[in-house]
PDB file of N, CA and C in Angstrom:
ATOM      1  N   MET A   1      24.029  17.319   8.958  1.00  0.00           N
ATOM      2  CA  MET A   1      23.834  18.157   8.896  1.00  0.00           C
ATOM      3  C   MET A   1      22.497  18.493  10.246  1.00  0.00           C
ATOM      4  N   GLU A   2      22.474  19.435  11.325  1.00  0.00           N
ATOM      5  CA  GLU A   2      21.296  19.676  12.050  1.00  0.00           C
ATOM      6  C   GLU A   2      20.407  20.397  12.531  1.00  0.00           C
ATOM      7  N   MET A   3      19.038  20.673  12.522  1.00  0.00           N
ATOM      8  CA  MET A   3      18.177  21.913  12.598  1.00  0.00           C
ATOM      9  C   MET A   3      17.245  21.548  13.826  1.00  0.00           C
ATOM     10  N   ASP A   4      16.783  22.296  14.121  1.00  0.00           N
ATOM     11  CA  ASP A   4      15.384  21.564  15.414  1.00  0.00           C
ATOM     12  C   ASP A   4      14.941  22.052  14.548  1.00  0.00           C
ATOM     13  N   PRO A   5      13.347  21.314  15.051  1.00  0.00           N
ATOM     14  CA  PRO A   5      12.190  20.935  14.191  1.00  0.00           C
ATOM     15  C   PRO A   5      11.619  22.635  13.825  1.00  0.00           C
ATOM     16  N   ASP A   6      11.666  23.505  14.725  1.00  0.00           N
ATOM     17  CA  ASP A   6      11.103  25.115  14.918  1.00  0.00           C
ATOM     18  C   ASP A   6      12.153  25.847  12.976  1.00  0.00           C
ATOM     19  N   ASP A   7      13.131  25.228  13.277  1.00  0.00           N
ATOM     20  CA  ASP A   7      14.064  26.384  12.580  1.00  0.00           C
ATOM     21  C   ASP A   7      13.666  25.261  11.008  1.00  0.00           C
ATOM     22  N   PHE A   8      13.366  23.946  11.012  1.00  0.00           N
ATOM     23  CA  PHE A   8      13.190  23.171   9.922  1.00  0.00           C
ATOM     24  C   PHE A   8      11.783  23.790   9.369  1.00  0.00           C
ATOM     25  N   GLU A   9      10.899  23.645  10.204  1.00  0.00           N
ATOM     26  CA  GLU A   9       9.495  24.426   9.920  1.00  0.00           C
ATOM     27  C   GLU A   9       9.548  26.183   9.108  1.00  0.00           C
ATOM     28  N   ASP A  10      10.470  26.547  10.278  1.00  0.00           N
ATOM     29  CA  ASP A  10      10.159  27.656   9.035  1.00  0.00           C
ATOM     30  C   ASP A  10      10.855  27.823   8.117  1.00  0.00           C
ATOM     31  N   LEU A  11      11.938  27.130   8.146  1.00  0.00           N
ATOM     32  CA  LEU A  11      12.823  26.891   6.332  1.00  0.00           C
ATOM     33  C   LEU A  11      11.362  26.303   5.285  1.00  0.00           C
ATOM     34  N   VAL A  12      10.850  25.101   5.669  1.00  0.00           N
ATOM     35  CA  VAL A  12      10.150  25.132   4.689  1.00  0.00           C
ATOM     36  C   VAL A  12       8.907  25.242   4.453  1.00  0.00           C
ATOM     37  N   ASN A  13       8.357  26.478   5.223  1.00  0.00           N
ATOM     38  CA  ASN A  13       7.489  27.418   4.797  1.00  0.00           C
ATOM     39  C   ASN A  13       8.248  28.780   3.846  1.00  0.00           C
ATOM     40  N   ASP A  14       9.422  29.036   4.165  1.00  0.00           N
ATOM     41  CA  ASP A  14       9.921  30.227   3.684  1.00  0.00           C
ATOM     42  C   ASP A  14      10.310  29.504   1.761  1.00  0.00           C
ATOM     43  N   VAL A  15      10.817  28.277   2.177  1.00  0.00           N
ATOM     44  CA  VAL A  15      10.648  27.473   0.475  1.00  0.00           C
ATOM     45  C   VAL A  15       9.454  27.319  -0.213  1.00  0.00           C
ATOM     46  N   PHE A  16       8.535  26.730   0.445  1.00  0.00           N
ATOM     47  CA  PHE A  16       7.011  26.693   0.002  1.00  0.00           C
ATOM     48  C   PHE A  16       6.394  28.045  -0.817  1.00  0.00           C
ATOM     49  N   ASP A  17       6.682  28.931   0.198  1.00  0.00           N
ATOM     50  CA  ASP A  17       6.021  30.564  -0.125  1.00  0.00           C
ATOM     51  C   ASP A  17       6.728  30.956  -1.432  1.00  0.00           C
ATOM     52  N   ALA A  18       8.614  30.972  -1.793  1.00  0.00           N
ATOM     53  CA  ALA A  18       9.521  31.565  -3.145  1.00  0.00           C
ATOM     54  C   ALA A  18       8.684  30.060  -4.022  1.00  0.00           C
ATOM     55  N   LEU A  19       8.029  29.249  -4.017  1.00  0.00           N
ATOM     56  CA  LEU A  19       7.773  28.385  -4.536  1.00  0.00           C
ATOM     57  C   LEU A  19       6.905  29.132  -6.345  1.00  0.00           C
ATOM     58  N   PRO A  20       6.832  29.213  -7.692  1.00  0.00           N
ATOM     59  CA  PRO A  20       6.215  29.898  -8.279  1.00  0.00           C
ATOM     60  C   PRO A  20       4.948  29.916  -8.477  1.00  0.00           C
ATOM     61  N   ALA A  21       4.134  30.401  -8.722  1.00  0.00           N
ATOM     62  CA  ALA A  21       2.804  30.273  -8.414  1.00  0.00           C
ATOM     63  C   ALA A  21       2.312  29.594  -9.639  1.00  0.00           C
ATOM     64  N   GLU A  22       2.949  29.072 -10.726  1.00  0.00           N
ATOM     65  CA  GLU A  22       2.013  27.773 -11.762  1.00  0.00           C
ATOM     66  C   GLU A  22       2.580  26.135 -10.682  1.00  0.00           C
ATOM     67  N   VAL A  23       3.058  26.125  -9.801  1.00  0.00           N
ATOM     68  CA  VAL A  23       3.293  24.905  -8.989  1.00  0.00           C
ATOM     69  C   VAL A  23       2.255  25.407  -7.583  1.00  0.00           C
ATOM     70  N   THR A  24       2.021  26.478  -7.143  1.00  0.00           N
ATOM     71  CA  THR A  24       1.207  25.926  -5.982  1.00  0.00           C
ATOM     72  C   THR A  24      -0.333  26.819  -6.346  1.00  0.00           C
ATOM     73  N   ASP A  25      -0.556  27.370  -7.485  1.00  0.00           N
ATOM     74  CA  ASP A  25      -1.793  28.278  -7.645  1.00  0.00           C
ATOM     75  C   ASP A  25      -3.280  27.000  -7.366  1.00  0.00           C
ATOM     76  N   GLY A  26      -2.941  25.692  -8.028  1.00  0.00           N
ATOM     77  CA  GLY A  26      -3.861  24.806  -8.143  1.00  0.00           C
ATOM     78  C   GLY A  26      -3.909  23.862  -7.087  1.00  0.00           C
ATOM     79  N   LEU A  27      -3.249  24.299  -6.215  1.00  0.00           N
ATOM     80  CA  LEU A  27      -3.419  23.436  -4.898  1.00  0.00           C
ATOM     81  C   LEU A  27      -4.813  23.562  -4.348  1.00  0.00           C
ATOM     82  N   GLU A  28      -5.557  22.042  -3.756  1.00  0.00           N
ATOM     83  CA  GLU A  28      -6.550  22.762  -3.265  1.00  0.00           C
ATOM     84  C   GLU A  28      -6.667  21.395  -2.228  1.00  0.00           C
ATOM     85  N   ASN A  29      -7.080  22.146  -1.188  1.00  0.00           N
ATOM     86  CA  ASN A  29      -7.283  21.028   0.105  1.00  0.00           C
ATOM     87  C   ASN A  29      -6.376  20.433   0.174  1.00  0.00           C
ATOM     88  N   VAL A  30      -5.057  20.442   0.393  1.00  0.00           N
ATOM     89  CA  VAL A  30      -3.849  19.730   0.427  1.00  0.00           C
ATOM     90  C   VAL A  30      -2.932  20.493   1.539  1.00  0.00           C
ATOM     91  N   ALA A  31      -2.825  19.723   2.615  1.00  0.00           N
ATOM     92  CA  ALA A  31      -1.774  19.933   3.704  1.00  0.00           C
ATOM     93  C   ALA A  31      -0.524  19.206   3.359  1.00  0.00           C
ATOM     94  N   ILE A  32       0.374  20.295   4.095  1.00  0.00           N
ATOM     95  CA  ILE A  32       1.828  19.731   4.164  1.00  0.00           C
ATOM     96  C   ILE A  32       2.160  19.346   5.574  1.00  0.00           C
ATOM     97  N   ALA A  33       2.698  18.321   6.005  1.00  0.00           N
ATOM     98  CA  ALA A  33       2.924  17.949   7.380  1.00  0.00           C
ATOM     99  C   ALA A  33       4.570  17.413   7.451  1.00  0.00           C
ATOM    100  N   ILE A  34       5.119  18.214   8.285  1.00  0.00           N
ATOM    101  CA  ILE A  34       6.645  17.690   8.541  1.00  0.00           C
ATOM    102  C   ILE A  34       6.815  16.896  10.047  1.00  0.00           C
ATOM    103  N   GLU A  35       7.509  15.645   9.440  1.00  0.00           N
ATOM    104  CA  GLU A  35       7.267  14.608  10.335  1.00  0.00           C
ATOM    105  C   GLU A  35       8.903  14.089  10.199  1.00  0.00           C
ATOM    106  N   ASP A  36       9.221  13.819  11.612  1.00  0.00           N
ATOM    107  CA  ASP A  36      10.218  13.149  11.822  1.00  0.00           C
ATOM    108  C   ASP A  36      11.049  12.329  11.116  1.00  0.00           C
ATOM    109  N   LEU A  37      10.415  11.223  10.664  1.00  0.00           N
ATOM    110  CA  LEU A  37      11.122  10.204   9.640  1.00  0.00           C
ATOM    111  C   LEU A  37       9.672   9.255   8.929  1.00  0.00           C
ATOM    112  N   PRO A  38       9.334   8.900   7.961  1.00  0.00           N
ATOM    113  CA  PRO A  38       8.655   7.815   7.312  1.00  0.00           C
ATOM    114  C   PRO A  38       8.149   6.348   8.160  1.00  0.00           C
ATOM    115  N   GLU A  39       6.689   6.509   8.218  1.00  0.00           N
ATOM    116  CA  GLU A  39       6.924   4.676   8.637  1.00  0.00           C
ATOM    117  C   GLU A  39       7.967   4.381   9.020  1.00  0.00           C
ATOM    118  N   ASP A  40       8.244   3.787   8.030  1.00  0.00           N
ATOM    119  CA  ASP A  40       9.242   2.339   8.202  1.00  0.00           C
ATOM    120  C   ASP A  40      10.491   2.765   8.893  1.00  0.00           C
ATOM    121  N   GLY A  41      11.116   4.343   8.738  1.00  0.00           N
ATOM    122  CA  GLY A  41      12.006   4.778  10.205  1.00  0.00           C
ATOM    123  C   GLY A  41      13.070   4.872   9.433  1.00  0.00           C
ATOM    124  N   SER A  42      13.204   4.902   7.500  1.00  0.00           N
ATOM    125  CA  SER A  42      14.145   4.746   6.939  1.00  0.00           C
ATOM    126  C   SER A  42      14.418   6.231   6.953  1.00  0.00           C
ATOM    127  N   LEU A  43      15.817   6.064   6.280  1.00  0.00           N
ATOM    128  CA  LEU A  43      16.434   7.533   6.187  1.00  0.00           C
ATOM    129  C   LEU A  43      16.463   7.732   4.284  1.00  0.00           C
ATOM    130  N   ASP A  44      15.589   6.868   3.800  1.00  0.00           N
ATOM    131  CA  ASP A  44      15.571   6.864   2.449  1.00  0.00           C
ATOM    132  C   ASP A  44      14.498   7.735   1.825  1.00  0.00           C
ATOM    133  N   LEU A  45      13.771   7.924   2.578  1.00  0.00           N
ATOM    134  CA  LEU A  45      12.650   8.223   1.726  1.00  0.00           C
ATOM    135  C   LEU A  45      12.343  10.311   2.189  1.00  0.00           C
ATOM    136  N   LEU A  46      12.382  11.049   1.217  1.00  0.00           N
ATOM    137  CA  LEU A  46      12.485  12.393   1.529  1.00  0.00           C
ATOM    138  C   LEU A  46      11.187  13.049   2.263  1.00  0.00           C
ATOM    139  N   GLY A  47      10.200  12.545   1.440  1.00  0.00           N
ATOM    140  CA  GLY A  47       8.731  13.498   1.138  1.00  0.00           C
ATOM    141  C   GLY A  47       7.688  12.266   0.350  1.00  0.00           C
ATOM    142  N   LEU A  48       6.302  12.300   0.652  1.00  0.00           N
ATOM    143  CA  LEU A  48       5.238  11.463   0.342  1.00  0.00           C
ATOM    144  C   LEU A  48       4.264  12.266   0.122  1.00  0.00           C
ATOM    145  N   TYR A  49       3.735  11.814  -0.842  1.00  0.00           N
ATOM    146  CA  TYR A  49       2.464  12.399  -1.241  1.00  0.00           C
ATOM    147  C   TYR A  49       0.829  11.103  -1.313  1.00  0.00           C
ATOM    148  N   HIS A  50       0.356  11.472   0.062  1.00  0.00           N
ATOM    149  CA  HIS A  50      -1.024  10.577   0.499  1.00  0.00           C
ATOM    150  C   HIS A  50      -2.002  11.603  -0.568  1.00  0.00           C
ATOM    151  N   GLY A  51      -2.462  10.640  -1.245  1.00  0.00           N
ATOM    152  CA  GLY A  51      -4.141  11.500  -1.851  1.00  0.00           C
ATOM    153  C   GLY A  51      -4.324  10.679  -3.422  1.00  0.00           C
ATOM    154  N   VAL A  52      -5.608  11.340  -3.560  1.00  0.00           N
ATOM    155  CA  VAL A  52      -5.629  10.650  -4.825  1.00  0.00           C
ATOM    156  C   VAL A  52      -5.623  12.040  -5.896  1.00  0.00           C
ATOM    157  N   ASP A  53      -4.221  11.636  -6.764  1.00  0.00           N
ATOM    158  CA  ASP A  53      -4.189  13.009  -7.483  1.00  0.00           C
ATOM    159  C   ASP A  53      -5.375  13.124  -8.411  1.00  0.00           C
ATOM    160  N   LEU A  54      -5.213  14.402  -9.113  1.00  0.00           N
ATOM    161  CA  LEU A  54      -6.414  15.419  -9.827  1.00  0.00           C
ATOM    162  C   LEU A  54      -6.651  14.922 -10.875  1.00  0.00           C
ATOM    163  N   THR A  55      -5.779  13.729 -11.400  1.00  0.00           N
ATOM    164  CA  THR A  55      -6.057  12.902 -13.055  1.00  0.00           C
ATOM    165  C   THR A  55      -7.049  11.802 -12.224  1.00  0.00           C
ATOM    166  N   GLU A  56      -7.180  11.530 -11.549  1.00  0.00           N
ATOM    167  CA  GLU A  56      -8.329   9.980 -11.060  1.00  0.00           C
ATOM    168  C   GLU A  56      -8.898  10.616 -10.297  1.00  0.00           C
ATOM    169  N   ARG A  57      -9.191  11.841 -10.116  1.00  0.00           N
ATOM    170  CA  ARG A  57     -10.366  11.976  -8.922  1.00  0.00           C
ATOM    171  C   ARG A  57     -11.946  12.462 -10.222  1.00  0.00           C
ATOM    172  N   ASP A  58     -12.696  11.961  -9.933  1.00  0.00           N
ATOM    173  CA  ASP A  58     -14.196  11.632 -10.493  1.00  0.00           C
ATOM    174  C   ASP A  58     -14.613  13.225 -10.618  1.00  0.00           C
ATOM    175  N   GLN A  59     -14.897  13.190  -9.141  1.00  0.00           N
ATOM    176  CA  GLN A  59     -15.815  14.528  -8.243  1.00  0.00           C
ATOM    177  C   GLN A  59     -15.325  14.887  -7.691  1.00  0.00           C
ATOM    178  N   TYR A  60     -14.826  16.349  -7.164  1.00  0.00           N
ATOM    179  CA  TYR A  60     -14.186  16.782  -5.633  1.00  0.00           C
ATOM    180  C   TYR A  60     -15.246  17.634  -5.361  1.00  0.00           C
ATOM    181  N   GLY A  61     -15.595  17.461  -4.197  1.00  0.00           N
ATOM    182  CA  GLY A  61     -16.649  18.210  -3.379  1.00  0.00           C
ATOM    183  C   GLY A  61     -16.597  18.624  -2.191  1.00  0.00           C
ATOM    184  N   PHE A  62     -17.466  18.569  -0.889  1.00  0.00           N
ATOM    185  CA  PHE A  62     -17.258  18.752   0.139  1.00  0.00           C
ATOM    186  C   PHE A  62     -17.005  17.880   1.082  1.00  0.00           C
ATOM    187  N   GLY A  63     -16.430  18.315   2.120  1.00  0.00           N
ATOM    188  CA  GLY A  63     -16.043  17.120   3.058  1.00  0.00           C
ATOM    189  C   GLY A  63     -14.898  15.659   2.965  1.00  0.00           C
ATOM    190  N   GLU A  64     -14.332  16.540   1.789  1.00  0.00           N
ATOM    191  CA  GLU A  64     -13.335  14.973   1.588  1.00  0.00           C
ATOM    192  C   GLU A  64     -11.560  15.855   3.071  1.00  0.00           C
ATOM    193  N   MET A  65     -11.301  14.129   3.463  1.00  0.00           N
ATOM    194  CA  MET A  65     -10.534  14.914   4.268  1.00  0.00           C
ATOM    195  C   MET A  65      -9.242  15.208   2.944  1.00  0.00           C
ATOM    196  N   PRO A  66      -8.317  16.631   3.092  1.00  0.00           N
ATOM    197  CA  PRO A  66      -7.372  16.680   2.352  1.00  0.00           C
ATOM    198  C   PRO A  66      -6.560  15.889   2.460  1.00  0.00           C
ATOM    199  N   ASP A  67      -5.505  16.024   1.170  1.00  0.00           N
ATOM    200  CA  ASP A  67      -4.749  15.494   0.791  1.00  0.00           C
ATOM    201  C   ASP A  67      -3.380  15.803   1.569  1.00  0.00           C
ATOM    202  N   LEU A  68      -2.167  14.906   1.683  1.00  0.00           N
ATOM    203  CA  LEU A  68      -1.148  14.780   2.681  1.00  0.00           C
ATOM    204  C   LEU A  68      -0.037  14.605   1.769  1.00  0.00           C
ATOM    205  N   ILE A  69       1.224  16.175   2.003  1.00  0.00           N
ATOM    206  CA  ILE A  69       2.227  15.687   1.441  1.00  0.00           C
ATOM    207  C   ILE A  69       3.367  16.096   2.900  1.00  0.00           C
ATOM    208  N   SER A  70       4.086  14.765   2.667  1.00  0.00           N
ATOM    209  CA  SER A  70       4.728  14.712   4.053  1.00  0.00           C
ATOM    210  C   SER A  70       5.911  14.859   3.798  1.00  0.00           C
ATOM    211  N   LEU A  71       6.718  16.007   4.432  1.00  0.00           N
ATOM    212  CA  LEU A  71       8.385  16.036   4.518  1.00  0.00           C
ATOM    213  C   LEU A  71       9.375  15.213   5.631  1.00  0.00           C
ATOM    214  N   TYR A  72      10.109  14.614   4.892  1.00  0.00           N
ATOM    215  CA  TYR A  72      10.552  13.975   6.194  1.00  0.00           C
ATOM    216  C   TYR A  72      12.085  14.579   6.629  1.00  0.00           C
ATOM    217  N   ARG A  73      12.023  15.460   7.768  1.00  0.00           N
ATOM    218  CA  ARG A  73      12.545  15.912   8.143  1.00  0.00           C
ATOM    219  C   ARG A  73      14.238  15.949   8.493  1.00  0.00           C
ATOM    220  N   LEU A  74      14.720  14.292   9.557  1.00  0.00           N
ATOM    221  CA  LEU A  74      15.712  13.685   9.906  1.00  0.00           C
ATOM    222  C   LEU A  74      16.341  13.011   8.363  1.00  0.00           C
ATOM    223  N   PRO A  75      15.092  12.288   7.482  1.00  0.00           N
ATOM    224  CA  PRO A  75      16.081  12.473   6.059  1.00  0.00           C
ATOM    225  C   PRO A  75      16.531  13.322   5.582  1.00  0.00           C
ATOM    226  N   LEU A  76      15.614  14.478   5.003  1.00  0.00           N
ATOM    227  CA  LEU A  76      16.653  15.696   4.896  1.00  0.00           C
ATOM    228  C   LEU A  76      17.605  15.989   4.670  1.00  0.00           C
ATOM    229  N   LEU A  77      17.739  15.926   6.240  1.00  0.00           N
ATOM    230  CA  LEU A  77      18.571  17.021   6.730  1.00  0.00           C
ATOM    231  C   LEU A  77      20.185  15.600   7.009  1.00  0.00           C
ATOM    232  N   ASP A  78      19.798  14.582   6.838  1.00  0.00           N
ATOM    233  CA  ASP A  78      20.738  13.895   6.848  1.00  0.00           C
ATOM    234  C   ASP A  78      21.432  13.665   4.854  1.00  0.00           C
ATOM    235  N   PHE A  79      20.512  13.509   4.166  1.00  0.00           N
ATOM    236  CA  PHE A  79      20.949  13.782   2.791  1.00  0.00           C
ATOM    237  C   PHE A  79      22.014  15.554   2.796  1.00  0.00           C
ATOM    238  N   CYS A  80      21.691  16.704   3.252  1.00  0.00           N
ATOM    239  CA  CYS A  80      22.322  17.298   2.911  1.00  0.00           C
ATOM    240  C   CYS A  80      23.381  17.838   4.016  1.00  0.00           C
ATOM    241  N   ALA A  81      24.207  18.285   3.173  1.00  0.00           N
ATOM    242  CA  ALA A  81      26.057  19.130   3.686  1.00  0.00           C
ATOM    243  C   ALA A  81      25.177  20.615   4.868  1.00  0.00           C
ATOM    244  N   ASP A  82      24.462  21.320   3.947  1.00  0.00           N
ATOM    245  CA  ASP A  82      24.116  22.285   4.653  1.00  0.00           C
ATOM    246  C   ASP A  82      22.557  22.954   4.115  1.00  0.00           C
ATOM    247  N   GLU A  83      22.654  24.622   5.037  1.00  0.00           N
ATOM    248  CA  GLU A  83      21.328  25.179   4.671  1.00  0.00           C
ATOM    249  C   GLU A  83      21.209  25.331   3.398  1.00  0.00           C
ATOM    250  N   VAL A  84      22.162  25.470   2.578  1.00  0.00           N
ATOM    251  CA  VAL A  84      21.791  26.167   1.370  1.00  0.00           C
ATOM    252  C   VAL A  84      21.576  24.849   0.465  1.00  0.00           C
ATOM    253  N   ASP A  85      22.315  23.615   0.627  1.00  0.00           N
ATOM    254  CA  ASP A  85      21.416  22.539   0.010  1.00  0.00           C
ATOM    255  C   ASP A  85      20.398  22.089   0.287  1.00  0.00           C
ATOM    256  N   LEU A  86      20.222  21.950   2.200  1.00  0.00           N
ATOM    257  CA  LEU A  86      18.662  22.082   2.287  1.00  0.00           C
ATOM    258  C   LEU A  86      17.680  22.405   1.743  1.00  0.00           C
ATOM    259  N   ARG A  87      17.866  23.644   1.717  1.00  0.00           N
ATOM    260  CA  ARG A  87      16.443  24.333   0.925  1.00  0.00           C
ATOM    261  C   ARG A  87      16.532  24.125  -0.248  1.00  0.00           C
ATOM    262  N   GLU A  88      17.607  23.652  -0.845  1.00  0.00           N
ATOM    263  CA  GLU A  88      16.963  23.393  -2.334  1.00  0.00           C
ATOM    264  C   GLU A  88      16.204  22.125  -2.410  1.00  0.00           C
ATOM    265  N   GLN A  89      17.009  20.881  -1.848  1.00  0.00           N
ATOM    266  CA  GLN A  89      16.502  19.862  -1.608  1.00  0.00           C
ATOM    267  C   GLN A  89      15.517  19.449  -1.261  1.00  0.00           C
ATOM    268  N   VAL A  90      14.579  20.805  -0.100  1.00  0.00           N
ATOM    269  CA  VAL A  90      13.229  20.611   0.289  1.00  0.00           C
ATOM    270  C   VAL A  90      12.548  21.389  -0.906  1.00  0.00           C
ATOM    271  N   ARG A  91      13.133  22.241  -1.630  1.00  0.00           N
ATOM    272  CA  ARG A  91      12.298  22.827  -3.165  1.00  0.00           C
ATOM    273  C   ARG A  91      11.835  21.946  -3.723  1.00  0.00           C
ATOM    274  N   VAL A  92      12.759  21.031  -4.314  1.00  0.00           N
ATOM    275  CA  VAL A  92      12.668  19.817  -5.413  1.00  0.00           C
ATOM    276  C   VAL A  92      12.138  18.759  -4.600  1.00  0.00           C
ATOM    277  N   THR A  93      11.894  18.550  -3.418  1.00  0.00           N
ATOM    278  CA  THR A  93      10.895  17.781  -3.007  1.00  0.00           C
ATOM    279  C   THR A  93       9.683  17.904  -2.636  1.00  0.00           C
ATOM    280  N   LEU A  94       9.007  19.266  -2.533  1.00  0.00           N
ATOM    281  CA  LEU A  94       7.911  20.148  -2.276  1.00  0.00           C
ATOM    282  C   LEU A  94       7.577  19.328  -3.706  1.00  0.00           C
ATOM    283  N   VAL A  95       7.945  20.256  -4.875  1.00  0.00           N
ATOM    284  CA  VAL A  95       7.740  20.332  -6.275  1.00  0.00           C
ATOM    285  C   VAL A  95       7.588  19.023  -6.728  1.00  0.00           C
ATOM    286  N   HIS A  96       8.187  17.906  -6.200  1.00  0.00           N
ATOM    287  CA  HIS A  96       8.225  16.580  -6.492  1.00  0.00           C
ATOM    288  C   HIS A  96       6.838  15.909  -6.376  1.00  0.00           C
ATOM    289  N   GLU A  97       6.330  16.312  -4.977  1.00  0.00           N
ATOM    290  CA  GLU A  97       5.100  15.779  -4.461  1.00  0.00           C
ATOM    291  C   GLU A  97       4.038  16.352  -4.799  1.00  0.00           C
ATOM    292  N   ILE A  98       3.983  17.452  -5.412  1.00  0.00           N
ATOM    293  CA  ILE A  98       3.230  18.207  -5.938  1.00  0.00           C
ATOM    294  C   ILE A  98       2.944  18.451  -7.000  1.00  0.00           C
ATOM    295  N   GLY A  99       3.936  17.149  -7.811  1.00  0.00           N
ATOM    296  CA  GLY A  99       3.784  17.043  -9.033  1.00  0.00           C
ATOM    297  C   GLY A  99       2.891  15.780  -8.607  1.00  0.00           C
ATOM    298  N   HIS A 100       2.966  15.242  -7.858  1.00  0.00           N
ATOM    299  CA  HIS A 100       2.069  13.914  -7.859  1.00  0.00           C
ATOM    300  C   HIS A 100       0.746  14.168  -7.318  1.00  0.00           C
ATOM    301  N   TYR A 101       0.385  15.525  -6.909  1.00  0.00           N
ATOM    302  CA  TYR A 101      -0.797  15.826  -6.921  1.00  0.00           C
ATOM    303  C   TYR A 101      -1.018  16.378  -7.863  1.00  0.00           C
ATOM    304  N   TYR A 102      -0.739  16.634  -9.044  1.00  0.00           N
ATOM    305  CA  TYR A 102      -1.377  16.862 -10.132  1.00  0.00           C
ATOM    306  C   TYR A 102      -1.096  15.478 -11.154  1.00  0.00           C
ATOM    307  N   GLY A 103      -0.540  14.975 -10.946  1.00  0.00           N
ATOM    308  CA  GLY A 103      -0.803  13.136 -11.370  1.00  0.00           C
ATOM    309  C   GLY A 103       0.412  12.998 -12.262  1.00  0.00           C
ATOM    310  N   ILE A 104       1.307  14.060 -11.981  1.00  0.00           N
ATOM    311  CA  ILE A 104       2.573  13.181 -12.914  1.00  0.00           C
ATOM    312  C   ILE A 104       3.493  12.049 -12.227  1.00  0.00           C
ATOM    313  N   ASP A 105       3.657  11.434 -12.897  1.00  0.00           N
ATOM    314  CA  ASP A 105       3.787  10.021 -12.207  1.00  0.00           C
ATOM    315  C   ASP A 105       5.819  10.487 -12.119  1.00  0.00           C
ATOM    316  N   ASP A 106       6.492   9.659 -11.329  1.00  0.00           N
ATOM    317  CA  ASP A 106       7.992   9.695 -10.950  1.00  0.00           C
ATOM    318  C   ASP A 106       8.642   9.706 -12.605  1.00  0.00           C
ATOM    319  N   GLU A 107       8.607   9.012 -13.065  1.00  0.00           N
ATOM    320  CA  GLU A 107       9.207   8.842 -14.401  1.00  0.00           C
ATOM    321  C   GLU A 107       9.223  10.076 -15.304  1.00  0.00           C
ATOM    322  N   GLU A 108       8.400  10.810 -15.384  1.00  0.00           N
ATOM    323  CA  GLU A 108       8.334  12.349 -15.852  1.00  0.00           C
ATOM    324  C   GLU A 108       8.724  13.224 -15.421  1.00  0.00           C
ATOM    325  N   LEU A 109       8.438  13.058 -13.376  1.00  0.00           N
ATOM    326  CA  LEU A 109       9.361  14.228 -12.984  1.00  0.00           C
ATOM    327  C   LEU A 109      10.486  14.070 -13.035  1.00  0.00           C
ATOM    328  N   HIS A 110      11.011  12.978 -12.898  1.00  0.00           N
ATOM    329  CA  HIS A 110      12.922  12.708 -13.609  1.00  0.00           C
ATOM    330  C   HIS A 110      13.362  13.353 -14.685  1.00  0.00           C
ATOM    331  N   ARG A 111      12.177  13.027 -15.815  1.00  0.00           N
ATOM    332  CA  ARG A 111      12.825  13.824 -17.198  1.00  0.00           C
ATOM    333  C   ARG A 111      12.779  14.863 -16.899  1.00  0.00           C
ATOM    334  N   LEU A 112      11.966  15.515 -16.054  1.00  0.00           N
ATOM    335  CA  LEU A 112      11.474  17.195 -15.901  1.00  0.00           C
ATOM    336  C   LEU A 112      12.515  17.547 -15.279  1.00  0.00           C
ATOM    337  N   GLY A 113      13.148  16.723 -14.297  1.00  0.00           N
ATOM    338  CA  GLY A 113      14.843  17.071 -13.227  1.00  0.00           C
ATOM    339  C   GLY A 113      14.149  17.561 -12.182  1.00  0.00           C
ATOM    340  N   TRP A 114      12.868  16.962 -11.568  1.00  0.00           N
ATOM    341  CA  TRP A 114      12.454  16.741 -10.407  1.00  0.00           C
ATOM    342  C   TRP A 114      12.070  15.882  -9.517  1.00  0.00           C
ATOM    343  N   GLY A 115      13.133  14.523 -10.154  1.00  0.00           N
ATOM    344  CA  GLY A 115      13.396  13.244  -9.602  1.00  0.00           C
ATOM    345  C   GLY A 115      14.131  13.135  -8.505  1.00  0.00           C
TER     346      GLY A 115
END
């Protein structure tokens, strides 16, 4: 599937805005970035959480750089057949990476259906 970067960003914003409040209300100092590819250039990784999850933080004050959730546009487009599929996969990927922010590991995310 193909989609230009601006349309992809609009889709991601729409999907994020539609996430339930229980998923997004606790997010603090987290940026979401859209990148074409992960550092290794592969099409295997759809998203990645960069940061220290809430369960590992001692104290959170002022001046910290934001945590980052990266969504990888080209792998997501390659993975999906159409826009409906893309919206669902962006939703799953966002929830998965937000889960890591809250300290939920891959095994638990898979058990919950967000793997």
